[in-house]
Protein backbone atom coordinates (compact mmCIF):
# COMPACT_ATOMS: atom_id res chain seq x y z
CA UNK A 1 0.00 0.00 0.00
CA UNK A 2 1.33 3.43 -0.95
CA UNK A 3 1.74 5.92 1.80
CA UNK A 4 0.23 9.38 1.49
CA UNK A 5 3.69 10.85 0.78
CA UNK A 6 4.39 8.29 -1.95
CA UNK A 7 1.08 9.03 -3.70
CA UNK A 8 1.83 12.75 -3.65
CA UNK A 9 5.30 12.17 -5.11
CA UNK A 10 3.90 9.94 -7.87
CA UNK A 11 1.37 12.55 -8.88
CA UNK A 12 4.07 15.23 -9.03
CA UNK A 13 6.24 13.07 -11.33
CA UNK A 14 3.36 12.25 -13.68
CA UNK A 15 2.36 15.89 -13.93
CA UNK A 16 5.94 16.97 -14.75
CA UNK A 17 7.63 20.18 -13.62
CA UNK A 18 5.63 23.39 -13.61
CA UNK A 19 8.11 24.91 -16.11
CA UNK A 20 6.99 22.40 -18.75
CA UNK A 21 3.60 24.11 -19.06
CA UNK A 22 3.19 25.88 -22.46
CA UNK A 23 4.17 29.55 -22.43
CA UNK A 24 2.13 32.20 -24.15
CA UNK A 25 3.77 33.43 -27.36
CA UNK A 26 3.93 37.07 -28.46
CA UNK A 27 3.59 38.02 -32.14
CA UNK A 28 6.91 38.54 -33.89
CA UNK A 29 7.58 41.96 -35.43
CA UNK A 30 8.73 41.84 -39.04
CA UNK A 31 11.73 44.04 -39.68
CA UNK A 32 11.37 45.65 -43.09
CA UNK A 33 14.37 46.48 -45.27
CA UNK A 34 15.40 50.11 -45.44
CA UNK A 35 15.55 52.08 -48.69
CA UNK A 36 18.08 54.91 -48.66
CA UNK A 37 16.27 57.58 -50.66
CA UNK A 38 19.42 59.63 -51.26
CA UNK A 39 21.18 56.65 -52.84
CA UNK A 40 18.08 55.62 -54.80
CA UNK A 41 17.48 59.06 -56.32
CA UNK A 42 21.15 59.38 -57.20
CA UNK A 43 21.05 56.04 -59.03
CA UNK A 44 17.90 57.12 -60.88
CA UNK A 45 19.83 60.09 -62.26
CA UNK A 46 23.10 58.34 -63.13
CA UNK A 47 22.20 54.79 -64.20
CA UNK A 48 20.08 55.72 -67.25
CA UNK A 49 23.07 57.66 -68.66
CA UNK A 50 25.60 54.86 -68.34
CA UNK A 51 26.92 53.03 -71.37
CA UNK A 52 27.03 49.81 -69.33
CA UNK A 53 25.24 48.27 -66.36
CA UNK A 54 27.63 49.46 -63.67
CA UNK A 55 25.75 49.99 -60.40
CA UNK A 56 25.80 53.27 -58.51
CA UNK A 57 27.93 52.68 -55.40
CA UNK A 58 25.90 52.24 -52.23
CA UNK A 59 22.56 52.06 -54.05
CA UNK A 60 22.15 48.39 -54.98
CA UNK A 61 20.15 47.12 -51.99
CA UNK A 62 17.84 50.12 -51.99
CA UNK A 63 17.22 49.95 -55.74
CA UNK A 64 16.58 46.22 -55.50
CA UNK A 65 13.92 46.79 -52.85
CA UNK A 66 12.25 49.40 -55.05
CA UNK A 67 12.39 47.15 -58.10
CA UNK A 68 10.98 44.20 -56.16
CA UNK A 69 8.08 46.37 -55.05
CA UNK A 70 7.47 47.46 -58.66
CA UNK A 71 7.62 43.83 -59.78
CA UNK A 72 5.07 42.88 -57.12
CA UNK A 73 2.71 45.41 -58.70
CA UNK A 74 3.32 43.91 -62.17
CA UNK A 75 5.03 47.09 -63.32
CA UNK A 76 8.51 45.63 -63.83
CA UNK A 77 9.57 42.30 -65.31
CA UNK A 78 11.72 40.08 -63.07
CA UNK A 79 14.71 40.29 -65.41
CA UNK A 80 15.04 44.00 -64.63
CA UNK A 81 15.16 43.49 -60.86
CA UNK A 82 18.93 43.88 -60.69
CA UNK A 83 19.81 46.91 -58.57
CA UNK A 84 20.33 49.06 -61.67
CA UNK A 85 17.93 52.03 -61.91
CA UNK A 86 18.04 52.22 -65.70
CA UNK A 87 15.50 53.49 -68.21
CA UNK A 88 13.22 50.47 -67.76
CA UNK A 89 13.02 51.01 -64.01
CA UNK A 90 12.46 54.73 -64.59
CA UNK A 91 9.50 53.89 -66.86
CA UNK A 92 8.11 51.42 -64.31
CA UNK A 93 8.40 53.94 -61.50
CA UNK A 94 6.70 56.59 -63.66
CA UNK A 95 3.85 54.12 -64.24
CA UNK A 96 3.53 53.68 -60.48
CA UNK A 97 3.44 57.46 -60.02
CA UNK A 98 0.65 57.70 -62.59
CA UNK A 99 -1.24 54.96 -60.74
CA UNK A 100 -1.26 57.30 -57.73
CA UNK A 101 -2.87 59.99 -59.86
CA UNK A 102 0.29 61.98 -60.60
CA UNK A 103 1.04 63.46 -64.00
CA UNK A 104 3.60 65.67 -65.71
CA UNK A 105 6.57 66.57 -63.54
CA UNK A 106 5.22 64.46 -60.67
CA UNK A 107 5.30 61.33 -62.84
CA UNK A 108 8.77 61.60 -64.34
CA UNK A 109 10.14 58.35 -62.90
CA UNK A 110 12.36 60.07 -60.33
CA UNK A 111 11.32 58.87 -56.86
CA UNK A 112 9.71 61.45 -54.63
CA UNK A 113 9.21 61.07 -50.89
CA UNK A 114 5.44 60.56 -51.07
CA UNK A 115 5.46 58.04 -53.91
CA UNK A 116 8.43 56.13 -52.48
CA UNK A 117 6.73 55.87 -49.10
CA UNK A 118 3.54 54.64 -50.78
CA UNK A 119 5.46 52.04 -52.80
CA UNK A 120 7.14 50.79 -49.63
CA UNK A 121 3.95 50.13 -47.65
CA UNK A 122 4.46 46.72 -46.05
CA UNK A 123 7.68 46.15 -47.98
CA UNK A 124 10.31 48.69 -46.91
CA UNK A 125 10.84 51.87 -44.93
CA UNK A 126 12.42 55.05 -46.29
CA UNK A 127 15.57 56.55 -44.77
CA UNK A 128 17.33 59.83 -45.59
CA UNK A 129 14.27 61.29 -47.34
CA UNK A 130 14.65 64.10 -49.88
CA UNK A 131 12.28 66.93 -50.65
CA UNK A 132 12.53 69.99 -52.89
CA UNK A 133 10.47 72.06 -50.47
CA UNK A 134 8.10 74.90 -51.18
CA UNK A 135 8.41 77.24 -54.16
CA UNK A 136 9.87 80.67 -53.43
CA UNK A 137 10.69 83.78 -55.44
CA UNK A 138 14.23 84.90 -56.20
CA UNK A 139 15.20 87.75 -58.57
CA UNK A 140 11.75 87.55 -60.10
CA UNK A 141 12.03 83.82 -60.81
CA UNK A 142 10.64 80.74 -59.10
CA UNK A 143 12.93 78.24 -57.38
CA UNK A 144 12.33 75.62 -54.70
CA UNK A 145 13.42 76.00 -51.09
CA UNK A 146 16.22 73.44 -51.40
CA UNK A 147 17.75 75.27 -54.38
CA UNK A 148 17.41 78.60 -52.58
CA UNK A 149 19.29 77.22 -49.57
CA UNK A 150 22.07 75.94 -51.83
CA UNK A 151 22.42 79.31 -53.57
CA UNK A 152 22.48 81.11 -50.22
CA UNK A 153 25.32 78.91 -49.01
CA UNK A 154 27.23 79.43 -52.26
CA UNK A 155 26.90 83.18 -51.77
CA UNK A 156 28.23 82.88 -48.24
CA UNK A 157 31.28 81.02 -49.48
CA UNK A 158 31.85 83.44 -52.36
CA UNK A 159 31.30 86.58 -50.34
CA UNK A 160 28.97 88.20 -52.89
CA UNK A 161 25.42 87.93 -54.20
CA UNK A 162 24.47 85.85 -57.23
CA UNK A 163 21.83 87.10 -59.65
CA UNK A 164 19.66 84.76 -61.71
CA UNK A 165 19.10 85.03 -65.46
CA UNK A 166 16.61 82.17 -65.37
CA UNK A 167 14.89 80.18 -62.67
CA UNK A 168 13.04 76.87 -62.36
CA UNK A 169 9.52 75.61 -63.15
CA UNK A 170 9.59 77.43 -66.50
CA UNK A 171 8.07 74.98 -69.00
CA UNK A 172 8.86 76.07 -72.54
CA UNK A 173 10.14 79.43 -71.32
CA UNK A 174 13.50 79.14 -73.06
CA UNK A 175 13.72 76.80 -76.04
CA UNK A 176 17.53 76.95 -75.99
CA UNK A 177 17.54 75.21 -72.58
CA UNK A 178 16.08 71.99 -74.02
CA UNK A 179 13.60 71.62 -71.18
CA UNK A 180 16.11 71.63 -68.33
CA UNK A 181 14.32 74.52 -66.59
CA UNK A 182 10.87 72.92 -66.92
CA UNK A 183 11.14 71.44 -63.44
CA UNK A 184 12.85 72.42 -60.19
CA UNK A 185 16.47 72.67 -59.15
CA UNK A 186 17.84 74.40 -62.26
CA UNK A 187 18.99 78.03 -62.55
CA UNK A 188 21.14 80.20 -64.79
CA UNK A 189 23.50 82.65 -63.09
CA UNK A 190 24.19 86.09 -64.58
CA UNK A 191 27.93 86.61 -65.10
CA UNK A 192 27.96 90.22 -66.35
CA UNK A 193 31.12 91.94 -65.11
CA UNK A 194 32.75 88.72 -63.92
CA UNK A 195 36.27 87.89 -65.01
CA UNK A 196 37.02 84.45 -66.43
CA UNK A 197 38.61 83.45 -63.12
CA UNK A 198 35.57 84.62 -61.16
CA UNK A 199 33.20 82.72 -63.44
CA UNK A 200 35.22 79.57 -62.93
CA UNK A 201 35.31 80.07 -59.18
CA UNK A 202 31.55 80.56 -59.02
CA UNK A 203 31.05 77.30 -60.91
CA UNK A 204 33.48 75.60 -58.52
CA UNK A 205 31.62 76.82 -55.42
CA UNK A 206 28.26 75.85 -56.92
CA UNK A 207 29.65 72.36 -57.46
CA UNK A 208 30.94 72.33 -53.90
CA UNK A 209 27.44 72.84 -52.44
CA UNK A 210 25.83 70.21 -54.68
CA UNK A 211 25.11 71.63 -58.13
CA UNK A 212 26.16 70.21 -61.47
CA UNK A 213 27.42 73.55 -62.79
CA UNK A 214 29.11 74.74 -65.96
CA UNK A 215 30.17 78.07 -67.44
CA UNK A 216 28.31 78.39 -70.75
CA UNK A 217 29.54 80.55 -73.63
CA UNK A 218 28.01 81.70 -76.96
CA UNK A 219 30.08 79.26 -79.01
CA UNK A 220 28.20 76.35 -77.40
CA UNK A 221 24.68 77.46 -78.28
CA UNK A 222 22.28 80.31 -78.86
CA UNK A 223 22.85 81.97 -75.50
CA UNK A 224 25.03 84.62 -73.82
CA UNK A 225 27.72 83.88 -71.26
CA UNK A 226 26.14 82.46 -68.11
CA UNK A 227 26.56 79.69 -65.53
CA UNK A 228 24.10 76.83 -65.80
CA UNK A 229 23.48 74.94 -62.55
CA UNK A 230 21.32 71.89 -61.81
CA UNK A 231 20.82 70.87 -58.18
CA UNK A 232 21.85 67.22 -57.88
CA UNK A 233 19.05 64.98 -56.52
CA UNK A 234 16.37 67.67 -56.58
CA UNK A 235 13.26 65.50 -56.72
CA UNK A 236 11.53 68.03 -59.01
CA UNK A 237 14.16 67.85 -61.76
CA UNK A 238 12.80 67.64 -65.29
CA UNK A 239 13.96 64.55 -67.21
CA UNK A 240 16.42 66.63 -69.24
CA UNK A 241 17.96 68.02 -66.05
CA UNK A 242 18.18 64.51 -64.58
CA UNK A 243 20.19 63.56 -67.66
CA UNK A 244 22.54 66.51 -67.14
CA UNK A 245 23.19 65.43 -63.56
CA UNK A 246 23.88 61.87 -64.66
CA UNK A 247 26.30 63.09 -67.32
CA UNK A 248 28.03 65.32 -64.76
CA UNK A 249 28.73 62.27 -62.57
CA UNK A 250 30.07 60.48 -65.64
CA UNK A 251 32.53 63.28 -66.47
CA UNK A 252 30.56 65.03 -69.23
CA UNK A 253 29.61 68.63 -70.00
CA UNK A 254 25.83 68.37 -69.72
CA UNK A 255 25.31 69.39 -73.35
CA UNK A 256 23.67 67.42 -76.14
CA UNK A 257 27.08 66.46 -77.57
CA UNK A 258 27.97 64.75 -74.26
CA UNK A 259 31.51 66.08 -74.52
CA UNK A 260 34.04 65.97 -71.69
CA UNK A 261 33.40 68.08 -68.61
CA UNK A 262 34.91 71.52 -69.18
CA UNK A 263 34.30 72.82 -65.66
CA UNK A 264 36.44 72.89 -62.51
CA UNK A 265 36.93 69.34 -61.30
CA UNK A 266 36.20 68.74 -57.63
CA UNK A 267 34.88 65.81 -55.62
CA UNK A 268 31.21 65.51 -56.57
CA UNK A 269 28.72 65.69 -53.72
CA UNK A 270 25.05 66.41 -53.11
CA UNK A 271 23.68 69.23 -50.96
CA UNK A 272 22.91 66.71 -48.21
CA UNK A 273 26.45 65.32 -48.29
CA UNK A 274 27.83 68.87 -48.12
CA UNK A 275 25.65 69.67 -45.12
CA UNK A 276 26.82 66.60 -43.22
CA UNK A 277 30.44 67.73 -43.46
CA UNK A 278 29.98 71.44 -42.77
C-alpha cells in the first residue's frame, strides 16, 4: 500500500515540472528592409546615362527593394530586378506614379518622398528622405526651397550675391535650354562683369554645395555667357535636367554632344552630403 507521501510524489512526477507548461507566445515583429532615398534618387539620375550596367555605389540594396516592389505590382519584369535604376526602371516607376494619380513633372520616374513611401507600404521603410520644399521667389524667378538654400550657401562662401538670369519651373520658357528649366532645381546665373577666373570660381563653389554647374559661352549654343546649374538629386528635376546630372557624374559637359566636362573638377557631392560635413 502506498503511503500518502508516496502518492503525492507519484502525482508530481506524472504531472511533470511546472516549467513544462506551455508559455504564451507574443507576435513577432517583421523588420522591413530600409531604402536609402538619397542613394536611390542618385542612381535614378546616373544609371540611365551609363553606357554599361555598372551599379551606382551604395545604391544596390535600396534599388533592388524598389524594383521588387514594382515587380510585385506587375510594373517591372523580373529580369530588370537587378539593382540598376536604368531606363526600364524609370519607366516602371513613372507608371507607379501615374497609378497614384500623378502626372507631368510628378510622374517623371524620379522617386519622390510621397510616392516612395507609398510604394514601400508593407515592404520597406524610407531613410534619408529628400524633398525639394516649397516654391519661393528669387530675382523675379521661381525656385524651390532646397535650391534657394544651396544658392544662399554658395553666396556665403563666395562673399557676394548671385543674380539669376533664369529660374526653375519654366516649361517652354527658353527653347535653348532643351527643357532643363521645366522642373525644379535648375537656374542660370548672370555673369555680367565677372572675369574668367571669377566665373570659374563661381562654378566651382556651386559644385561644392551640390550643383552640377558649368560656365556656358556663346560658341556652345544660342545663348550669352552664363553659368548653368542643376541641383543634384532635386526631386523636381525635369527629365532633361536629370540627364545633365547623370552626365556630370560620368565626367561630361551636360550638353547634347555629351563632350568631356569643361568645368572645374572637384569631388562631386550632393547638398545633403555637403551639409553633413559642414
